[in-house]
PDB file of N, CA and C in Angstrom:
ATOM      1  N   MET A   1      19.142 132.652 146.820  1.00  0.00           N
ATOM      2  CA  MET A   1      19.561 131.581 145.933  1.00  0.00           C
ATOM      3  C   MET A   1      18.628 130.393 146.116  1.00  0.00           C
ATOM      4  N   GLN A   2      18.198 129.852 145.023  1.00  0.00           N
ATOM      5  CA  GLN A   2      17.277 128.715 145.046  1.00  0.00           C
ATOM      6  C   GLN A   2      18.082 127.411 144.988  1.00  0.00           C
ATOM      7  N   GLU A   3      17.693 126.463 145.809  1.00  0.00           N
ATOM      8  CA  GLU A   3      18.343 125.157 145.775  1.00  0.00           C
ATOM      9  C   GLU A   3      17.385 124.112 145.247  1.00  0.00           C
ATOM     10  N   VAL A   4      17.860 123.332 144.294  1.00  0.00           N
ATOM     11  CA  VAL A   4      17.075 122.225 143.753  1.00  0.00           C
ATOM     12  C   VAL A   4      18.013 121.018 143.640  1.00  0.00           C
ATOM     13  N   ALA A   5      17.452 119.851 143.631  1.00  0.00           N
ATOM     14  CA  ALA A   5      18.246 118.634 143.459  1.00  0.00           C
ATOM     15  C   ALA A   5      17.711 117.878 142.260  1.00  0.00           C
ATOM     16  N   PHE A   6      18.621 117.372 141.459  1.00  0.00           N
ATOM     17  CA  PHE A   6      18.225 116.559 140.319  1.00  0.00           C
ATOM     18  C   PHE A   6      19.338 115.568 140.020  1.00  0.00           C
ATOM     19  N   LYS A   7      18.980 114.472 139.418  1.00  0.00           N
ATOM     20  CA  LYS A   7      19.966 113.475 139.025  1.00  0.00           C
ATOM     21  C   LYS A   7      20.503 113.857 137.653  1.00  0.00           C
ATOM     22  N   SER A   8      21.772 113.596 137.457  1.00  0.00           N
ATOM     23  CA  SER A   8      22.414 113.913 136.195  1.00  0.00           C
ATOM     24  C   SER A   8      23.217 112.710 135.741  1.00  0.00           C
ATOM     25  N   GLU A   9      23.720 112.785 134.529  1.00  0.00           N
ATOM     26  CA  GLU A   9      24.577 111.718 134.041  1.00  0.00           C
ATOM     27  C   GLU A   9      25.803 112.336 133.389  1.00  0.00           C
ATOM     28  N   LEU A  10      26.890 111.592 133.401  1.00  0.00           N
ATOM     29  CA  LEU A  10      28.126 112.054 132.803  1.00  0.00           C
ATOM     30  C   LEU A  10      28.064 111.794 131.302  1.00  0.00           C
ATOM     31  N   LEU A  11      28.261 112.854 130.522  1.00  0.00           N
ATOM     32  CA  LEU A  11      28.240 112.738 129.067  1.00  0.00           C
ATOM     33  C   LEU A  11      29.590 112.259 128.558  1.00  0.00           C
ATOM     34  N   GLU A  12      29.635 111.818 127.304  1.00  0.00           N
ATOM     35  CA  GLU A  12      30.873 111.291 126.731  1.00  0.00           C
ATOM     36  C   GLU A  12      31.988 112.327 126.714  1.00  0.00           C
ATOM     37  N   ASP A  13      31.630 113.625 126.608  1.00  0.00           N
ATOM     38  CA  ASP A  13      32.657 114.671 126.554  1.00  0.00           C
ATOM     39  C   ASP A  13      33.138 115.095 127.941  1.00  0.00           C
ATOM     40  N   GLY A  14      32.649 114.448 129.006  1.00  0.00           N
ATOM     41  CA  GLY A  14      33.092 114.744 130.355  1.00  0.00           C
ATOM     42  C   GLY A  14      32.232 115.748 131.092  1.00  0.00           C
ATOM     43  N   HIS A  15      31.251 116.337 130.430  1.00  0.00           N
ATOM     44  CA  HIS A  15      30.351 117.290 131.075  1.00  0.00           C
ATOM     45  C   HIS A  15      29.182 116.553 131.728  1.00  0.00           C
ATOM     46  N   LEU A  16      28.536 117.231 132.676  1.00  0.00           N
ATOM     47  CA  LEU A  16      27.340 116.669 133.289  1.00  0.00           C
ATOM     48  C   LEU A  16      26.108 117.191 132.561  1.00  0.00           C
ATOM     49  N   ALA A  17      25.137 116.338 132.378  1.00  0.00           N
ATOM     50  CA  ALA A  17      23.885 116.738 131.747  1.00  0.00           C
ATOM     51  C   ALA A  17      23.080 117.570 132.731  1.00  0.00           C
ATOM     52  N   CYS A  18      22.472 118.643 132.248  1.00  0.00           N
ATOM     53  CA  CYS A  18      21.665 119.528 133.081  1.00  0.00           C
ATOM     54  C   CYS A  18      20.259 119.586 132.493  1.00  0.00           C
ATOM     55  N   PRO A  19      19.222 119.345 133.301  1.00  0.00           N
ATOM     56  CA  PRO A  19      17.861 119.469 132.776  1.00  0.00           C
ATOM     57  C   PRO A  19      17.607 120.879 132.245  1.00  0.00           C
ATOM     58  N   ARG A  20      16.895 120.997 131.157  1.00  0.00           N
ATOM     59  CA  ARG A  20      16.664 122.285 130.503  1.00  0.00           C
ATOM     60  C   ARG A  20      16.052 123.333 131.433  1.00  0.00           C
ATOM     61  N   GLU A  21      15.193 122.908 132.338  1.00  0.00           N
ATOM     62  CA  GLU A  21      14.529 123.894 133.205  1.00  0.00           C
ATOM     63  C   GLU A  21      15.501 124.587 134.169  1.00  0.00           C
ATOM     64  N   TYR A  22      16.699 124.015 134.360  1.00  0.00           N
ATOM     65  CA  TYR A  22      17.681 124.636 135.246  1.00  0.00           C
ATOM     66  C   TYR A  22      18.826 125.297 134.478  1.00  0.00           C
ATOM     67  N   ALA A  23      18.863 125.160 133.171  1.00  0.00           N
ATOM     68  CA  ALA A  23      19.933 125.729 132.344  1.00  0.00           C
ATOM     69  C   ALA A  23      19.630 127.199 132.074  1.00  0.00           C
ATOM     70  N   LYS A  24      20.032 128.051 132.984  1.00  0.00           N
ATOM     71  CA  LYS A  24      19.785 129.482 132.878  1.00  0.00           C
ATOM     72  C   LYS A  24      21.126 130.223 132.871  1.00  0.00           C
ATOM     73  N   PRO A  25      21.175 131.430 132.277  1.00  0.00           N
ATOM     74  CA  PRO A  25      22.426 132.192 132.292  1.00  0.00           C
ATOM     75  C   PRO A  25      22.889 132.443 133.731  1.00  0.00           C
ATOM     76  N   ASN A  26      24.161 132.337 133.948  1.00  0.00           N
ATOM     77  CA  ASN A  26      24.798 132.575 135.254  1.00  0.00           C
ATOM     78  C   ASN A  26      24.358 131.596 136.344  1.00  0.00           C
ATOM     79  N   ALA A  27      23.788 130.468 135.960  1.00  0.00           N
ATOM     80  CA  ALA A  27      23.406 129.463 136.958  1.00  0.00           C
ATOM     81  C   ALA A  27      24.671 128.847 137.530  1.00  0.00           C
ATOM     82  N   GLN A  28      24.666 128.576 138.823  1.00  0.00           N
ATOM     83  CA  GLN A  28      25.790 127.934 139.483  1.00  0.00           C
ATOM     84  C   GLN A  28      25.316 126.605 140.061  1.00  0.00           C
ATOM     85  N   PHE A  29      26.130 125.596 139.880  1.00  0.00           N
ATOM     86  CA  PHE A  29      25.760 124.270 140.347  1.00  0.00           C
ATOM     87  C   PHE A  29      26.789 123.747 141.328  1.00  0.00           C
ATOM     88  N   LYS A  30      26.327 123.080 142.342  1.00  0.00           N
ATOM     89  CA  LYS A  30      27.176 122.381 143.300  1.00  0.00           C
ATOM     90  C   LYS A  30      26.931 120.900 143.062  1.00  0.00           C
ATOM     91  N   VAL A  31      27.984 120.179 142.766  1.00  0.00           N
ATOM     92  CA  VAL A  31      27.854 118.762 142.442  1.00  0.00           C
ATOM     93  C   VAL A  31      28.112 117.923 143.692  1.00  0.00           C
ATOM     94  N   THR A  32      27.195 117.031 143.986  1.00  0.00           N
ATOM     95  CA  THR A  32      27.350 116.092 145.082  1.00  0.00           C
ATOM     96  C   THR A  32      27.292 114.691 144.486  1.00  0.00           C
ATOM     97  N   VAL A  33      28.300 113.904 144.764  1.00  0.00           N
ATOM     98  CA  VAL A  33      28.360 112.548 144.223  1.00  0.00           C
ATOM     99  C   VAL A  33      28.077 111.575 145.350  1.00  0.00           C
ATOM    100  N   SER A  34      27.190 110.638 145.104  1.00  0.00           N
ATOM    101  CA  SER A  34      26.916 109.619 146.106  1.00  0.00           C
ATOM    102  C   SER A  34      26.856 108.257 145.427  1.00  0.00           C
ATOM    103  N   PHE A  35      27.259 107.267 146.161  1.00  0.00           N
ATOM    104  CA  PHE A  35      27.238 105.897 145.670  1.00  0.00           C
ATOM    105  C   PHE A  35      26.287 105.101 146.546  1.00  0.00           C
ATOM    106  N   PRO A  36      25.394 104.328 145.936  1.00  0.00           N
ATOM    107  CA  PRO A  36      24.424 103.576 146.721  1.00  0.00           C
ATOM    108  C   PRO A  36      25.060 102.538 147.648  1.00  0.00           C
ATOM    109  N   ASP A  37      26.157 101.941 147.221  1.00  0.00           N
ATOM    110  CA  ASP A  37      26.859 100.967 148.060  1.00  0.00           C
ATOM    111  C   ASP A  37      28.283 100.831 147.567  1.00  0.00           C
ATOM    112  N   GLU A  38      29.106 100.162 148.322  1.00  0.00           N
ATOM    113  CA  GLU A  38      30.514 100.037 147.961  1.00  0.00           C
ATOM    114  C   GLU A  38      30.722  99.207 146.700  1.00  0.00           C
ATOM    115  N   GLU A  39      29.800  98.348 146.361  1.00  0.00           N
ATOM    116  CA  GLU A  39      29.959  97.508 145.172  1.00  0.00           C
ATOM    117  C   GLU A  39      29.921  98.325 143.891  1.00  0.00           C
ATOM    118  N   SER A  40      29.302  99.518 143.916  1.00  0.00           N
ATOM    119  CA  SER A  40      29.206 100.324 142.707  1.00  0.00           C
ATOM    120  C   SER A  40      30.504 101.062 142.399  1.00  0.00           C
ATOM    121  N   VAL A  41      31.440 101.102 143.351  1.00  0.00           N
ATOM    122  CA  VAL A  41      32.716 101.770 143.143  1.00  0.00           C
ATOM    123  C   VAL A  41      33.686 100.767 142.526  1.00  0.00           C
ATOM    124  N   ASP A  42      34.319 101.177 141.422  1.00  0.00           N
ATOM    125  CA  ASP A  42      35.281 100.295 140.768  1.00  0.00           C
ATOM    126  C   ASP A  42      36.456 100.025 141.689  1.00  0.00           C
ATOM    127  N   SER A  43      37.012  98.849 141.580  1.00  0.00           N
ATOM    128  CA  SER A  43      38.192  98.528 142.377  1.00  0.00           C
ATOM    129  C   SER A  43      39.395  99.271 141.800  1.00  0.00           C
ATOM    130  N   PRO A  44      40.430  99.496 142.601  1.00  0.00           N
ATOM    131  CA  PRO A  44      41.616 100.203 142.100  1.00  0.00           C
ATOM    132  C   PRO A  44      42.242  99.457 140.926  1.00  0.00           C
ATOM    133  N   ARG A  45      42.864 100.221 140.055  1.00  0.00           N
ATOM    134  CA  ARG A  45      43.550  99.592 138.920  1.00  0.00           C
ATOM    135  C   ARG A  45      44.747  98.791 139.426  1.00  0.00           C
ATOM    136  N   PRO A  46      45.015  97.667 138.792  1.00  0.00           N
ATOM    137  CA  PRO A  46      46.161  96.860 139.236  1.00  0.00           C
ATOM    138  C   PRO A  46      47.480  97.557 138.907  1.00  0.00           C
ATOM    139  N   PHE A  47      48.494  97.335 139.728  1.00  0.00           N
ATOM    140  CA  PHE A  47      49.822  97.887 139.515  1.00  0.00           C
ATOM    141  C   PHE A  47      50.411  97.276 138.255  1.00  0.00           C
ATOM    142  N   GLY A  48      51.048  98.097 137.428  1.00  0.00           N
ATOM    143  CA  GLY A  48      51.702  97.595 136.221  1.00  0.00           C
ATOM    144  C   GLY A  48      50.747  97.345 135.075  1.00  0.00           C
ATOM    145  N   LEU A  49      49.620  98.037 135.060  1.00  0.00           N
ATOM    146  CA  LEU A  49      48.597  97.814 134.042  1.00  0.00           C
ATOM    147  C   LEU A  49      49.129  98.040 132.622  1.00  0.00           C
ATOM    148  N   CYS A  50      50.036  98.990 132.436  1.00  0.00           N
ATOM    149  CA  CYS A  50      50.562  99.328 131.101  1.00  0.00           C
ATOM    150  C   CYS A  50      51.964  98.773 130.874  1.00  0.00           C
ATOM    151  N   LYS A  51      52.359  97.826 131.675  1.00  0.00           N
ATOM    152  CA  LYS A  51      53.713  97.282 131.571  1.00  0.00           C
ATOM    153  C   LYS A  51      53.990  96.808 130.145  1.00  0.00           C
ATOM    154  N   GLY A  52      55.125  97.266 129.601  1.00  0.00           N
ATOM    155  CA  GLY A  52      55.534  96.864 128.259  1.00  0.00           C
ATOM    156  C   GLY A  52      54.951  97.707 127.145  1.00  0.00           C
ATOM    157  N   GLU A  53      54.039  98.643 127.442  1.00  0.00           N
ATOM    158  CA  GLU A  53      53.428  99.458 126.399  1.00  0.00           C
ATOM    159  C   GLU A  53      54.254 100.685 126.051  1.00  0.00           C
ATOM    160  N   PHE A  54      55.144 101.108 126.931  1.00  0.00           N
ATOM    161  CA  PHE A  54      56.020 102.243 126.648  1.00  0.00           C
ATOM    162  C   PHE A  54      57.277 102.109 127.499  1.00  0.00           C
ATOM    163  N   ILE A  55      58.291 102.865 127.131  1.00  0.00           N
ATOM    164  CA  ILE A  55      59.555 102.829 127.850  1.00  0.00           C
ATOM    165  C   ILE A  55      59.801 104.203 128.451  1.00  0.00           C
ATOM    166  N   VAL A  56      60.102 104.248 129.740  1.00  0.00           N
ATOM    167  CA  VAL A  56      60.448 105.501 130.402  1.00  0.00           C
ATOM    168  C   VAL A  56      61.939 105.722 130.179  1.00  0.00           C
ATOM    169  N   PRO A  57      62.315 106.854 129.547  1.00  0.00           N
ATOM    170  CA  PRO A  57      63.732 107.090 129.279  1.00  0.00           C
ATOM    171  C   PRO A  57      64.526 107.291 130.570  1.00  0.00           C
ATOM    172  N   ASP A  58      65.830 106.997 130.507  1.00  0.00           N
ATOM    173  CA  ASP A  58      66.697 107.129 131.676  1.00  0.00           C
ATOM    174  C   ASP A  58      66.741 108.559 132.205  1.00  0.00           C
ATOM    175  N   ASP A  59      66.594 109.552 131.320  1.00  0.00           N
ATOM    176  CA  ASP A  59      66.672 110.953 131.746  1.00  0.00           C
ATOM    177  C   ASP A  59      65.290 111.555 132.034  1.00  0.00           C
ATOM    178  N   PHE A  60      64.318 110.722 132.352  1.00  0.00           N
ATOM    179  CA  PHE A  60      62.939 111.176 132.584  1.00  0.00           C
ATOM    180  C   PHE A  60      62.860 112.288 133.628  1.00  0.00           C
ATOM    181  N   ASP A  61      63.599 112.149 134.715  1.00  0.00           N
ATOM    182  CA  ASP A  61      63.520 113.139 135.786  1.00  0.00           C
ATOM    183  C   ASP A  61      64.681 114.141 135.760  1.00  0.00           C
ATOM    184  N   ALA A  62      65.384 114.226 134.638  1.00  0.00           N
ATOM    185  CA  ALA A  62      66.469 115.200 134.498  1.00  0.00           C
ATOM    186  C   ALA A  62      65.876 116.603 134.372  1.00  0.00           C
ATOM    187  N   PRO A  63      66.626 117.622 134.767  1.00  0.00           N
ATOM    188  CA  PRO A  63      66.131 119.003 134.625  1.00  0.00           C
ATOM    189  C   PRO A  63      65.821 119.324 133.168  1.00  0.00           C
ATOM    190  N   LEU A  64      64.800 120.159 132.957  1.00  0.00           N
ATOM    191  CA  LEU A  64      64.434 120.553 131.600  1.00  0.00           C
ATOM    192  C   LEU A  64      65.474 121.509 131.031  1.00  0.00           C
ATOM    193  N   PRO A  65      65.630 121.517 129.700  1.00  0.00           N
ATOM    194  CA  PRO A  65      66.545 122.478 129.081  1.00  0.00           C
ATOM    195  C   PRO A  65      66.075 123.916 129.347  1.00  0.00           C
ATOM    196  N   GLU A  66      67.023 124.838 129.331  1.00  0.00           N
ATOM    197  CA  GLU A  66      66.745 126.239 129.652  1.00  0.00           C
ATOM    198  C   GLU A  66      65.669 126.838 128.753  1.00  0.00           C
ATOM    199  N   HIS A  67      65.686 126.529 127.448  1.00  0.00           N
ATOM    200  CA  HIS A  67      64.695 127.129 126.530  1.00  0.00           C
ATOM    201  C   HIS A  67      63.267 126.660 126.847  1.00  0.00           C
ATOM    202  N   ILE A  68      63.110 125.461 127.318  1.00  0.00           N
ATOM    203  CA  ILE A  68      61.772 124.977 127.689  1.00  0.00           C
ATOM    204  C   ILE A  68      61.328 125.625 128.999  1.00  0.00           C
ATOM    205  N   LEU A  69      62.228 125.746 129.968  1.00  0.00           N
ATOM    206  CA  LEU A  69      61.896 126.434 131.216  1.00  0.00           C
ATOM    207  C   LEU A  69      61.467 127.872 130.940  1.00  0.00           C
ATOM    208  N   ASN A  70      62.163 128.537 130.024  1.00  0.00           N
ATOM    209  CA  ASN A  70      61.808 129.906 129.671  1.00  0.00           C
ATOM    210  C   ASN A  70      60.397 129.994 129.083  1.00  0.00           C
ATOM    211  N   GLU A  71      60.010 129.017 128.281  1.00  0.00           N
ATOM    212  CA  GLU A  71      58.651 129.006 127.712  1.00  0.00           C
ATOM    213  C   GLU A  71      57.601 128.883 128.803  1.00  0.00           C
ATOM    214  N   PHE A  72      57.849 128.049 129.811  1.00  0.00           N
ATOM    215  CA  PHE A  72      56.907 127.921 130.933  1.00  0.00           C
ATOM    216  C   PHE A  72      56.763 129.236 131.684  1.00  0.00           C
ATOM    217  N   GLU A  73      57.859 129.977 131.758  1.00  0.00           N
ATOM    218  CA  GLU A  73      57.851 131.235 132.486  1.00  0.00           C
ATOM    219  C   GLU A  73      57.457 132.422 131.610  1.00  0.00           C
ATOM    220  N   GLY A  74      57.083 132.168 130.359  1.00  0.00           N
ATOM    221  CA  GLY A  74      56.640 133.231 129.464  1.00  0.00           C
ATOM    222  C   GLY A  74      57.753 134.124 128.988  1.00  0.00           C
ATOM    223  N   GLN A  75      58.946 133.608 128.898  1.00  0.00           N
ATOM    224  CA  GLN A  75      60.088 134.417 128.450  1.00  0.00           C
ATOM    225  C   GLN A  75      60.470 134.083 127.042  1.00  0.00           C
TER     226      GLN A  75
END
């Protein structure tokens, strides 16, 4: 197995860009992410960021109806 390193960028569709010279059938890639310094990492999102944008119903954590459970189980 040949190992090569190249820089890539994240595309809008969520895929990583691959240089054409490495885009071969059955190619396998190992992704290593590195950050040059801590400043390049975004800070955590603040708590309550979506407050007021939606309402969580009172029965949010209630058991699912039997017909929906059956669909998950392929019945």
